[in-house]
C-alpha atoms as a PDB file:
ATOM      1  CA  MET A   1     105.655 145.046-217.503  1.00  0.00           C
ATOM      2  CA  ASP A   2     107.598 147.149-219.980  1.00  0.00           C
ATOM      3  CA  VAL A   3     105.792 149.809-221.980  1.00  0.00           C
ATOM      4  CA  SER A   4     106.355 148.075-225.318  1.00  0.00           C
ATOM      5  CA  THR A   5     104.750 144.811-224.164  1.00  0.00           C
ATOM      6  CA  ARG A   6     101.826 146.634-222.582  1.00  0.00           C
ATOM      7  CA  ASP A   7     101.281 148.707-225.733  1.00  0.00           C
ATOM      8  CA  SER A   8     101.395 145.560-227.871  1.00  0.00           C
ATOM      9  CA  LEU A   9      98.724 143.901-225.734  1.00  0.00           C
ATOM     10  CA  CYS A  10      96.479 146.969-225.773  1.00  0.00           C
ATOM     11  CA  ASN A  11      96.948 147.300-229.545  1.00  0.00           C
ATOM     12  CA  LEU A  12      95.745 143.707-230.000  1.00  0.00           C
ATOM     13  CA  PHE A  13      92.490 144.690-228.337  1.00  0.00           C
ATOM     14  CA  ASP A  14      92.252 148.036-230.152  1.00  0.00           C
ATOM     15  CA  ALA A  15      92.614 146.236-233.482  1.00  0.00           C
ATOM     16  CA  ALA A  16      89.716 143.890-232.687  1.00  0.00           C
ATOM     17  CA  SER A  17      87.849 144.212-229.415  1.00  0.00           C
ATOM     18  CA  ALA A  18      87.449 141.057-227.368  1.00  0.00           C
ATOM     19  CA  SER A  19      83.915 139.729-227.205  1.00  0.00           C
ATOM     20  CA  VAL A  20      82.380 139.205-223.785  1.00  0.00           C
ATOM     21  CA  ALA A  21      83.025 135.453-224.128  1.00  0.00           C
ATOM     22  CA  GLU A  22      86.685 136.058-225.010  1.00  0.00           C
ATOM     23  CA  TYR A  23      87.109 138.511-222.124  1.00  0.00           C
ATOM     24  CA  ARG A  24      85.686 135.938-219.716  1.00  0.00           C
ATOM     25  CA  ALA A  25      87.994 133.240-221.112  1.00  0.00           C
ATOM     26  CA  ILE A  26      90.984 135.535-220.546  1.00  0.00           C
ATOM     27  CA  VAL A  27      89.945 136.241-216.958  1.00  0.00           C
ATOM     28  CA  ARG A  28      89.472 132.501-216.335  1.00  0.00           C
ATOM     29  CA  LYS A  29      93.057 131.927-217.530  1.00  0.00           C
ATOM     30  CA  LEU A  30      94.303 134.716-215.276  1.00  0.00           C
ATOM     31  CA  VAL A  31      92.365 133.499-212.237  1.00  0.00           C
ATOM     32  CA  ALA A  32      93.862 130.025-212.674  1.00  0.00           C
ATOM     33  CA  HIS A  33      97.095 131.526-211.296  1.00  0.00           C
ATOM     34  CA  LEU A  34      95.511 132.612-208.009  1.00  0.00           C
ATOM     35  CA  SER A  35      94.630 130.853-204.800  1.00  0.00           C
ATOM     36  CA  LEU A  36      90.978 131.760-204.406  1.00  0.00           C
ATOM     37  CA  SER A  37      89.164 133.035-201.350  1.00  0.00           C
ATOM     38  CA  ASN A  38      85.744 131.550-200.590  1.00  0.00           C
ATOM     39  CA  GLU A  39      84.024 134.523-202.232  1.00  0.00           C
ATOM     40  CA  GLU A  40      86.223 134.293-205.335  1.00  0.00           C
ATOM     41  CA  ALA A  41      85.624 130.541-205.545  1.00  0.00           C
ATOM     42  CA  GLU A  42      81.871 131.194-205.350  1.00  0.00           C
ATOM     43  CA  ILE A  43      82.127 133.613-208.292  1.00  0.00           C
ATOM     44  CA  MET A  44      84.085 131.089-210.360  1.00  0.00           C
ATOM     45  CA  ALA A  45      81.614 128.308-209.492  1.00  0.00           C
ATOM     46  CA  TRP A  46      78.722 130.586-210.495  1.00  0.00           C
ATOM     47  CA  ASP A  47      80.463 131.200-213.824  1.00  0.00           C
ATOM     48  CA  ALA A  48      81.200 127.500-214.376  1.00  0.00           C
ATOM     49  CA  ASP A  49      77.578 126.600-213.577  1.00  0.00           C
ATOM     50  CA  GLY A  50      76.203 128.862-216.301  1.00  0.00           C
ATOM     51  CA  ARG A  51      75.996 132.293-214.648  1.00  0.00           C
ATOM     52  CA  ASN A  52      72.560 131.975-213.094  1.00  0.00           C
ATOM     53  CA  PRO A  53      71.019 135.460-213.473  1.00  0.00           C
ATOM     54  CA  THR A  54      69.270 135.121-210.110  1.00  0.00           C
ATOM     55  CA  ASP A  55      72.648 135.194-208.335  1.00  0.00           C
ATOM     56  CA  ARG A  56      74.256 137.855-210.531  1.00  0.00           C
ATOM     57  CA  ASP A  57      73.051 140.931-208.613  1.00  0.00           C
ATOM     58  CA  ARG A  58      73.946 139.417-205.241  1.00  0.00           C
ATOM     59  CA  LEU A  59      77.446 138.488-206.416  1.00  0.00           C
ATOM     60  CA  ALA A  60      77.965 141.812-208.182  1.00  0.00           C
ATOM     61  CA  THR A  61      76.933 143.785-205.110  1.00  0.00           C
ATOM     62  CA  ARG A  62      79.279 141.781-202.890  1.00  0.00           C
ATOM     63  CA  ALA A  63      82.120 141.944-205.413  1.00  0.00           C
ATOM     64  CA  TRP A  64      81.966 145.738-205.781  1.00  0.00           C
ATOM     65  CA  ASP A  65      81.444 146.430-202.068  1.00  0.00           C
ATOM     66  CA  PHE A  66      84.985 146.722-200.768  1.00  0.00           C
ATOM     67  CA  ASP A  67      87.280 149.074-198.898  1.00  0.00           C
ATOM     68  CA  GLU A  68      90.554 147.299-199.658  1.00  0.00           C
ATOM     69  CA  VAL A  69      93.474 149.062-201.328  1.00  0.00           C
ATOM     70  CA  GLY A  70      96.525 147.868-203.225  1.00  0.00           C
ATOM     71  CA  GLU A  71      96.738 144.221-204.243  1.00  0.00           C
ATOM     72  CA  ALA A  72      93.512 143.323-202.444  1.00  0.00           C
ATOM     73  CA  ALA A  73      91.622 146.062-204.317  1.00  0.00           C
ATOM     74  CA  SER A  74      93.050 144.877-207.646  1.00  0.00           C
ATOM     75  CA  ARG A  75      91.849 141.354-206.901  1.00  0.00           C
ATOM     76  CA  ARG A  76      88.390 142.652-205.996  1.00  0.00           C
ATOM     77  CA  ARG A  77      88.203 144.679-209.224  1.00  0.00           C
ATOM     78  CA  LEU A  78      89.335 141.696-211.281  1.00  0.00           C
ATOM     79  CA  PHE A  79      86.495 139.564-209.909  1.00  0.00           C
ATOM     80  CA  ALA A  80      83.913 142.365-209.845  1.00  0.00           C
ATOM     81  CA  GLY A  81      84.585 143.120-213.497  1.00  0.00           C
ATOM     82  CA  PHE A  82      84.337 139.426-214.283  1.00  0.00           C
ATOM     83  CA  VAL A  83      80.856 139.309-212.764  1.00  0.00           C
ATOM     84  CA  THR A  84      79.553 142.534-214.280  1.00  0.00           C
ATOM     85  CA  ASN A  85      81.335 143.153-217.593  1.00  0.00           C
ATOM     86  CA  ASN A  86      78.937 142.610-220.485  1.00  0.00           C
ATOM     87  CA  GLU A  87      80.709 144.729-223.090  1.00  0.00           C
ATOM     88  CA  PRO A  88      83.489 144.004-225.582  1.00  0.00           C
ATOM     89  CA  THR A  89      86.956 144.835-224.278  1.00  0.00           C
ATOM     90  CA  ASP A  90      89.089 147.182-226.355  1.00  0.00           C
ATOM     91  CA  GLY A  91      92.611 148.448-225.646  1.00  0.00           C
ATOM     92  CA  TYR A  92      91.315 150.716-222.890  1.00  0.00           C
ATOM     93  CA  GLY A  93      89.595 147.790-221.157  1.00  0.00           C
ATOM     94  CA  ALA A  94      92.638 145.596-221.761  1.00  0.00           C
ATOM     95  CA  ASP A  95      94.812 148.225-220.080  1.00  0.00           C
ATOM     96  CA  TYR A  96      92.642 148.071-216.952  1.00  0.00           C
ATOM     97  CA  LEU A  97      92.625 144.264-217.031  1.00  0.00           C
ATOM     98  CA  ILE A  98      96.427 144.274-217.158  1.00  0.00           C
ATOM     99  CA  ASP A  99      96.539 146.614-214.146  1.00  0.00           C
ATOM    100  CA  PHE A 100      94.123 144.505-212.117  1.00  0.00           C
ATOM    101  CA  ALA A 101      95.865 141.230-213.017  1.00  0.00           C
ATOM    102  CA  LEU A 102      99.355 142.515-212.221  1.00  0.00           C
ATOM    103  CA  GLY A 103      98.060 144.232-209.096  1.00  0.00           C
ATOM    104  CA  SER A 104      96.532 140.918-208.010  1.00  0.00           C
ATOM    105  CA  GLY A 105      99.958 139.320-208.040  1.00  0.00           C
ATOM    106  CA  ILE A 106      99.683 137.456-211.348  1.00  0.00           C
ATOM    107  CA  ALA A 107     103.102 137.233-213.014  1.00  0.00           C
ATOM    108  CA  ILE A 108     103.803 139.322-216.122  1.00  0.00           C
ATOM    109  CA  ASP A 109     104.416 136.220-218.254  1.00  0.00           C
ATOM    110  CA  ASP A 110     101.089 134.747-217.151  1.00  0.00           C
ATOM    111  CA  VAL A 111      99.249 137.978-217.971  1.00  0.00           C
ATOM    112  CA  CYS A 112     100.883 138.162-221.395  1.00  0.00           C
ATOM    113  CA  GLY A 113     100.187 134.494-222.040  1.00  0.00           C
ATOM    114  CA  ALA A 114      96.507 134.705-221.090  1.00  0.00           C
ATOM    115  CA  MET A 115      95.876 137.833-223.117  1.00  0.00           C
ATOM    116  CA  ALA A 116      97.928 136.969-226.194  1.00  0.00           C
ATOM    117  CA  THR A 117      97.069 133.258-226.504  1.00  0.00           C
ATOM    118  CA  LEU A 118      93.415 133.891-227.207  1.00  0.00           C
ATOM    119  CA  ARG A 119      94.345 136.636-229.640  1.00  0.00           C
ATOM    120  CA  SER A 120      96.600 134.257-231.606  1.00  0.00           C
ATOM    121  CA  ALA A 121      99.480 136.647-231.237  1.00  0.00           C
ATOM    122  CA  SER A 122     102.985 136.623-229.944  1.00  0.00           C
ATOM    123  CA  LEU A 123     104.679 139.414-228.099  1.00  0.00           C
END
């Protein structure tokens, strides 16, 4: 991703932080571009079923307990953040989300589309 595009995306989130609901919607759009492992599918099912708080700690512990590096680590961080993030996402958080999405193998155009569509912006 070129620096200008990345800066534009981060600036969208600096101008008006994404709510937790918007952040989750963005991650759902990003995840739609991945073939999911069983653990990742369980996280997405938990989310779709209303995020039962009883399962949150178990899923969060599993999601953050990893030794992987590279693309596998980026995928783990993408899903771990999805389970545990309960704060608005500003440009700093958007920057990390971009890293994790790209590192997970999601195409640049798909990352830009997911992040900009919900912000009603074009890059």
